[in-house]
């Protein structure tokens, strides 16, 4: 049962535990995406007077936990935030013994049992491709991920495929790789070498986008004069690439704040329907996309 202090608080949160994915070789605070999510969570807890307990959980390249987190059943917290973690069956079994509310933040589960705060990855990717099509591009490549990648990346992949299909574009170009294992320099170079007709690339995130820019430049292709590139997340990396990166801005701080609000709402209304809150990214135009001057001439592979 939750701690006695919490039972007297009228459903308000007193102490939260935040469990953040730990990638090999990188602390969560150093990740350009999750560091801002953590800032949002900390800010909301500070404003509400909530004690926040922080821990990290090692994950594999697909964000599946490599071990089970300790101390989840000792009843000393009012709720749990799982950040960037895929809740597999083993973790689901453990969480079944945890009596307080759980909210996933950019997290997914093998069974849809928990409230979640997510980026609207599908629609944002769709919009990115639509934007490139509006700029006259018809041969658009996808950089990063595969059919079995993390759900957020799969949603971006599906947004890419759907946008092209619904706009009558039948040819797709993909450089498939796990973005936790490699940043895709060789894969991008091979894709461009095989398909020189490609005039634009949509990349799974900003860090991945910076690599195709270098790969294209190594082949003598100028960005954006010869190749347009668009990223995702709008981290600090986007303004430090050359040229500065056009990308989808995700309000990661808002994701963190919203997760605390959703956890509080669940604690006050334990029997309400499961909820998913979507943060809607928006396009930030910088210098890495240029209109294709001859879209009709370049309409067929």
Protein backbone atom coordinates (compact mmCIF):
# COMPACT_ATOMS: atom_id res chain seq x y z
CA UNK A 1 0.00 0.00 0.00
CA UNK A 2 1.18 3.60 -0.55
CA UNK A 3 2.94 5.32 2.32
CA UNK A 4 0.75 6.60 5.16
CA UNK A 5 1.72 10.21 4.50
CA UNK A 6 0.27 9.88 1.02
CA UNK A 7 -3.00 8.39 2.26
CA UNK A 8 -3.63 11.61 4.19
CA UNK A 9 -2.91 13.87 1.25
CA UNK A 10 -6.30 13.62 -0.46
CA UNK A 11 -4.87 11.88 -3.51
CA UNK A 12 -2.00 14.31 -3.97
CA UNK A 13 1.46 13.03 -4.72
CA UNK A 14 4.11 13.13 -2.01
CA UNK A 15 6.98 11.05 -3.39
CA UNK A 16 7.58 9.83 -6.97
CA UNK A 17 10.12 7.47 -8.41
CA UNK A 18 11.51 8.24 -11.89
CA UNK A 19 13.15 5.36 -13.71
CA UNK A 20 15.03 6.46 -16.85
CA UNK A 21 16.55 4.25 -19.51
CA UNK A 22 20.32 3.93 -19.38
CA UNK A 23 21.94 3.41 -22.76
CA UNK A 24 25.36 1.76 -22.86
CA UNK A 25 28.01 4.42 -22.36
CA UNK A 26 25.64 7.38 -21.94
CA UNK A 27 24.05 8.80 -18.79
CA UNK A 28 20.38 9.85 -19.20
CA UNK A 29 21.30 13.47 -18.40
CA UNK A 30 23.64 13.49 -21.41
CA UNK A 31 20.96 12.37 -23.86
CA UNK A 32 19.75 15.47 -25.77
CA UNK A 33 16.15 14.19 -25.80
CA UNK A 34 15.68 12.63 -22.37
CA UNK A 35 17.66 15.26 -20.48
CA UNK A 36 14.92 17.77 -21.31
CA UNK A 37 12.19 15.30 -20.33
CA UNK A 38 13.91 14.95 -16.95
CA UNK A 39 14.01 18.75 -16.62
CA UNK A 40 10.24 18.87 -17.14
CA UNK A 41 9.61 16.17 -14.54
CA UNK A 42 11.88 17.87 -12.01
CA UNK A 43 10.24 21.24 -12.64
CA UNK A 44 6.72 19.88 -12.11
CA UNK A 45 7.73 18.08 -8.93
CA UNK A 46 9.46 21.19 -7.58
CA UNK A 47 6.40 23.37 -8.21
CA UNK A 48 4.08 20.82 -6.57
CA UNK A 49 6.36 20.08 -3.60
CA UNK A 50 6.79 16.43 -4.63
CA UNK A 51 9.86 14.46 -3.57
CA UNK A 52 11.48 12.86 -6.61
CA UNK A 53 13.59 9.71 -6.43
CA UNK A 54 15.80 9.15 -9.48
CA UNK A 55 17.16 5.86 -10.76
CA UNK A 56 18.31 4.54 -14.13
CA UNK A 57 17.63 1.18 -15.74
CA UNK A 58 20.09 -0.37 -18.22
CA UNK A 59 18.45 -1.20 -21.54
CA UNK A 60 19.49 -2.94 -24.74
CA UNK A 61 19.58 -1.39 -28.21
CA UNK A 62 15.78 -1.59 -28.46
CA UNK A 63 15.19 -0.07 -24.99
CA UNK A 64 14.24 -3.41 -23.43
CA UNK A 65 15.38 -3.65 -19.78
CA UNK A 66 18.51 -5.69 -19.18
CA UNK A 67 17.58 -6.25 -15.54
CA UNK A 68 14.59 -5.84 -13.28
CA UNK A 69 14.59 -2.68 -11.16
CA UNK A 70 14.84 -3.23 -7.40
CA UNK A 71 12.56 -1.81 -4.69
CA UNK A 72 9.41 -1.42 -6.81
CA UNK A 73 7.18 -3.28 -4.36
CA UNK A 74 8.19 -1.71 -1.07
CA UNK A 75 5.34 0.83 -1.06
CA UNK A 76 7.42 3.91 -0.34
CA UNK A 77 6.31 5.97 -3.34
CA UNK A 78 3.02 7.31 -4.68
CA UNK A 79 3.76 6.69 -8.35
CA UNK A 80 6.30 5.64 -10.93
CA UNK A 81 7.44 7.34 -14.14
CA UNK A 82 9.13 5.07 -16.69
CA UNK A 83 11.08 7.20 -19.17
CA UNK A 84 12.16 5.83 -22.57
CA UNK A 85 11.68 2.21 -21.53
CA UNK A 86 9.90 -0.63 -23.31
CA UNK A 87 7.98 -2.55 -20.66
CA UNK A 88 8.50 -6.19 -21.60
CA UNK A 89 6.71 -9.17 -20.07
CA UNK A 90 9.24 -9.57 -17.24
CA UNK A 91 8.85 -5.94 -16.19
CA UNK A 92 5.06 -6.17 -16.58
CA UNK A 93 5.03 -9.08 -14.12
CA UNK A 94 7.05 -7.07 -11.62
CA UNK A 95 4.87 -3.98 -12.04
CA UNK A 96 1.84 -6.16 -11.36
CA UNK A 97 2.97 -6.19 -7.72
CA UNK A 98 3.35 -2.39 -7.62
CA UNK A 99 0.23 -0.82 -6.16
CA UNK A 100 0.81 2.84 -7.07
CA UNK A 101 0.06 4.41 -10.51
CA UNK A 102 2.51 4.07 -13.39
CA UNK A 103 2.93 6.46 -16.34
CA UNK A 104 5.13 5.81 -19.38
CA UNK A 105 7.02 8.79 -20.84
CA UNK A 106 8.13 8.09 -24.41
CA UNK A 107 7.69 4.53 -23.24
CA UNK A 108 5.69 1.58 -24.51
CA UNK A 109 4.51 -1.74 -23.13
CA UNK A 110 4.00 -5.25 -24.46
CA UNK A 111 0.40 -4.89 -23.26
CA UNK A 112 -1.39 -1.53 -23.18
CA UNK A 113 -2.00 -1.28 -19.45
CA UNK A 114 -0.60 2.11 -18.48
CA UNK A 115 -1.16 5.80 -19.07
CA UNK A 116 1.45 7.35 -21.35
CA UNK A 117 2.82 10.64 -22.62
CA UNK A 118 4.12 10.29 -26.17
CA UNK A 119 5.18 12.35 -29.16
CA UNK A 120 2.77 12.10 -32.09
CA UNK A 121 5.49 10.45 -34.14
CA UNK A 122 3.32 9.23 -36.99
CA UNK A 123 1.68 12.56 -37.79
CA UNK A 124 4.91 14.50 -37.34
CA UNK A 125 6.76 12.24 -39.76
CA UNK A 126 3.85 12.47 -42.17
CA UNK A 127 4.09 16.27 -41.98
CA UNK A 128 7.84 16.18 -42.60
CA UNK A 129 7.36 14.20 -45.80
CA UNK A 130 4.45 16.39 -46.85
CA UNK A 131 6.70 19.43 -46.38
CA UNK A 132 9.40 17.90 -48.59
CA UNK A 133 6.80 17.08 -51.23
CA UNK A 134 5.59 20.69 -51.11
CA UNK A 135 9.19 21.69 -51.81
CA UNK A 136 9.09 19.64 -55.01
CA UNK A 137 10.98 16.56 -53.80
CA UNK A 138 9.78 13.23 -55.13
CA UNK A 139 12.67 10.88 -54.29
CA UNK A 140 12.86 10.96 -50.50
CA UNK A 141 14.95 8.57 -48.43
CA UNK A 142 14.41 7.39 -44.86
CA UNK A 143 17.51 7.14 -42.67
CA UNK A 144 17.51 4.90 -39.59
CA UNK A 145 15.30 2.28 -38.03
CA UNK A 146 13.77 -0.88 -39.46
CA UNK A 147 10.53 -2.82 -39.27
CA UNK A 148 11.33 -4.05 -35.75
CA UNK A 149 12.67 -0.88 -34.16
CA UNK A 150 11.42 0.94 -31.06
CA UNK A 151 7.70 1.82 -31.44
CA UNK A 152 8.29 5.58 -31.68
CA UNK A 153 10.68 5.02 -34.58
CA UNK A 154 8.29 2.55 -36.22
CA UNK A 155 5.61 5.23 -36.07
CA UNK A 156 7.94 7.66 -37.84
CA UNK A 157 8.74 5.03 -40.45
CA UNK A 158 5.03 4.40 -41.01
CA UNK A 159 4.38 8.14 -41.28
CA UNK A 160 7.02 8.32 -44.02
CA UNK A 161 5.48 5.39 -45.91
CA UNK A 162 1.89 6.60 -45.54
CA UNK A 163 2.65 10.16 -46.67
CA UNK A 164 4.35 8.95 -49.84
CA UNK A 165 1.57 6.46 -50.60
CA UNK A 166 -1.23 8.97 -50.07
CA UNK A 167 0.52 11.47 -52.34
CA UNK A 168 0.90 8.95 -55.14
CA UNK A 169 4.64 8.28 -54.69
CA UNK A 170 5.34 4.59 -55.19
CA UNK A 171 9.12 4.52 -54.75
CA UNK A 172 10.67 4.44 -51.29
CA UNK A 173 14.32 4.39 -50.23
CA UNK A 174 15.40 3.22 -46.79
CA UNK A 175 18.76 2.93 -45.04
CA UNK A 176 17.91 0.45 -42.28
CA UNK A 177 20.02 0.23 -39.13
CA UNK A 178 19.62 0.31 -35.38
CA UNK A 179 20.31 3.88 -34.29
CA UNK A 180 21.68 2.71 -30.94
CA UNK A 181 24.34 0.64 -32.68
CA UNK A 182 25.47 2.98 -35.46
CA UNK A 183 24.75 6.48 -36.76
CA UNK A 184 24.49 5.32 -40.37
CA UNK A 185 27.38 6.93 -42.26
CA UNK A 186 28.11 3.89 -44.42
CA UNK A 187 24.43 2.98 -44.80
CA UNK A 188 23.56 6.48 -46.00
CA UNK A 189 26.49 6.59 -48.40
CA UNK A 190 25.46 3.22 -49.86
CA UNK A 191 21.85 4.38 -50.28
CA UNK A 192 22.87 7.57 -52.09
CA UNK A 193 25.39 5.70 -54.23
CA UNK A 194 22.75 3.20 -55.32
CA UNK A 195 20.00 5.81 -55.77
CA UNK A 196 21.54 9.07 -57.04
CA UNK A 197 18.05 10.35 -57.90
CA UNK A 198 17.33 10.94 -54.19
CA UNK A 199 17.00 14.66 -53.50
CA UNK A 200 15.89 14.62 -49.85
CA UNK A 201 16.34 12.57 -46.68
CA UNK A 202 14.12 12.24 -43.62
CA UNK A 203 16.14 11.12 -40.60
CA UNK A 204 14.94 9.43 -37.43
CA UNK A 205 16.42 12.11 -35.16
CA UNK A 206 18.77 15.08 -35.22
CA UNK A 207 21.83 13.08 -34.23
CA UNK A 208 21.22 10.67 -37.10
CA UNK A 209 20.62 13.62 -39.48
CA UNK A 210 24.04 15.08 -38.77
CA UNK A 211 25.67 11.88 -40.05
CA UNK A 212 23.96 11.76 -43.49
CA UNK A 213 24.95 15.39 -43.98
CA UNK A 214 28.59 14.37 -43.57
CA UNK A 215 28.10 11.26 -45.70
CA UNK A 216 26.59 13.30 -48.54
CA UNK A 217 29.32 15.90 -48.33
CA UNK A 218 31.97 13.17 -48.48
CA UNK A 219 30.44 12.13 -51.81
CA UNK A 220 30.58 15.66 -53.18
CA UNK A 221 26.88 16.35 -52.65
CA UNK A 222 26.13 19.73 -51.09
CA UNK A 223 23.44 20.18 -48.46
CA UNK A 224 20.96 21.68 -49.24
CA UNK A 225 21.96 22.57 -52.83
CA UNK A 226 22.11 18.95 -54.00
CA UNK A 227 20.38 17.16 -51.13
CA UNK A 228 17.85 18.33 -48.56
CA UNK A 229 17.89 16.83 -45.05
CA UNK A 230 15.29 16.99 -42.29
CA UNK A 231 15.63 15.72 -38.72
CA UNK A 232 13.45 15.05 -35.70
CA UNK A 233 13.41 16.28 -32.06
CA UNK A 234 14.97 19.77 -32.42
CA UNK A 235 17.73 19.15 -29.89
CA UNK A 236 20.81 21.36 -29.58
CA UNK A 237 22.36 19.25 -32.33
CA UNK A 238 20.01 20.82 -34.89
CA UNK A 239 21.53 24.29 -34.50
CA UNK A 240 25.09 22.97 -34.45
CA UNK A 241 25.08 21.10 -37.75
CA UNK A 242 26.35 22.78 -40.92
CA UNK A 243 23.99 23.79 -42.36
CA UNK A 244 21.59 24.25 -39.45
CA UNK A 245 18.98 21.52 -39.50
CA UNK A 246 15.34 21.80 -40.46
CA UNK A 247 13.60 19.48 -38.02
CA UNK A 248 10.48 18.60 -36.02
CA UNK A 249 10.40 20.28 -32.63
CA UNK A 250 9.25 18.06 -29.76
CA UNK A 251 8.43 19.90 -26.53
CA UNK A 252 10.25 17.41 -24.32
CA UNK A 253 10.03 19.62 -21.24
CA UNK A 254 6.24 19.64 -21.66
CA UNK A 255 6.31 15.83 -21.93
CA UNK A 256 7.95 15.64 -18.51
CA UNK A 257 5.56 18.11 -16.91
CA UNK A 258 2.53 16.40 -18.43
CA UNK A 259 3.67 13.03 -17.11
CA UNK A 260 3.54 14.30 -13.53
CA UNK A 261 0.08 15.79 -14.14
CA UNK A 262 -1.14 12.52 -15.65
CA UNK A 263 0.24 10.55 -12.70
CA UNK A 264 -1.54 12.89 -10.29
CA UNK A 265 -4.78 12.55 -12.24
CA UNK A 266 -4.52 8.75 -12.19
CA UNK A 267 -3.93 8.74 -8.43
CA UNK A 268 -7.03 10.87 -7.89
CA UNK A 269 -9.12 8.84 -10.36
CA UNK A 270 -7.82 5.26 -10.18
CA UNK A 271 -10.77 3.73 -12.06
CA UNK A 272 -10.86 6.08 -15.05
CA UNK A 273 -10.07 4.80 -18.55
CA UNK A 274 -6.46 4.42 -19.60
CA UNK A 275 -5.15 7.64 -21.16
CA UNK A 276 -2.49 8.51 -23.72
CA UNK A 277 -1.45 12.15 -24.01
CA UNK A 278 0.11 13.11 -27.34
CA UNK A 279 2.59 15.97 -27.67
CA UNK A 280 2.31 17.37 -31.21
CA UNK A 281 5.68 18.28 -32.79
CA UNK A 282 5.90 21.19 -35.21
CA UNK A 283 8.23 21.94 -38.08
CA UNK A 284 11.17 24.31 -37.53
CA UNK A 285 12.63 25.55 -40.83
CA UNK A 286 16.34 26.31 -40.91
CA UNK A 287 18.91 25.85 -43.68
CA UNK A 288 19.06 22.16 -44.62
CA UNK A 289 16.09 22.03 -47.02
CA UNK A 290 15.86 23.71 -50.40
CA UNK A 291 13.11 23.40 -53.05
CA UNK A 292 13.80 20.91 -55.81
CA UNK A 293 14.00 23.03 -58.98
CA UNK A 294 12.89 20.22 -61.33
CA UNK A 295 10.30 18.02 -59.58
CA UNK A 296 8.70 16.83 -62.82
CA UNK A 297 11.98 15.86 -64.45
CA UNK A 298 12.86 13.91 -61.34
CA UNK A 299 9.48 12.22 -60.92
CA UNK A 300 10.49 8.70 -61.95
CA UNK A 301 13.21 6.47 -60.51
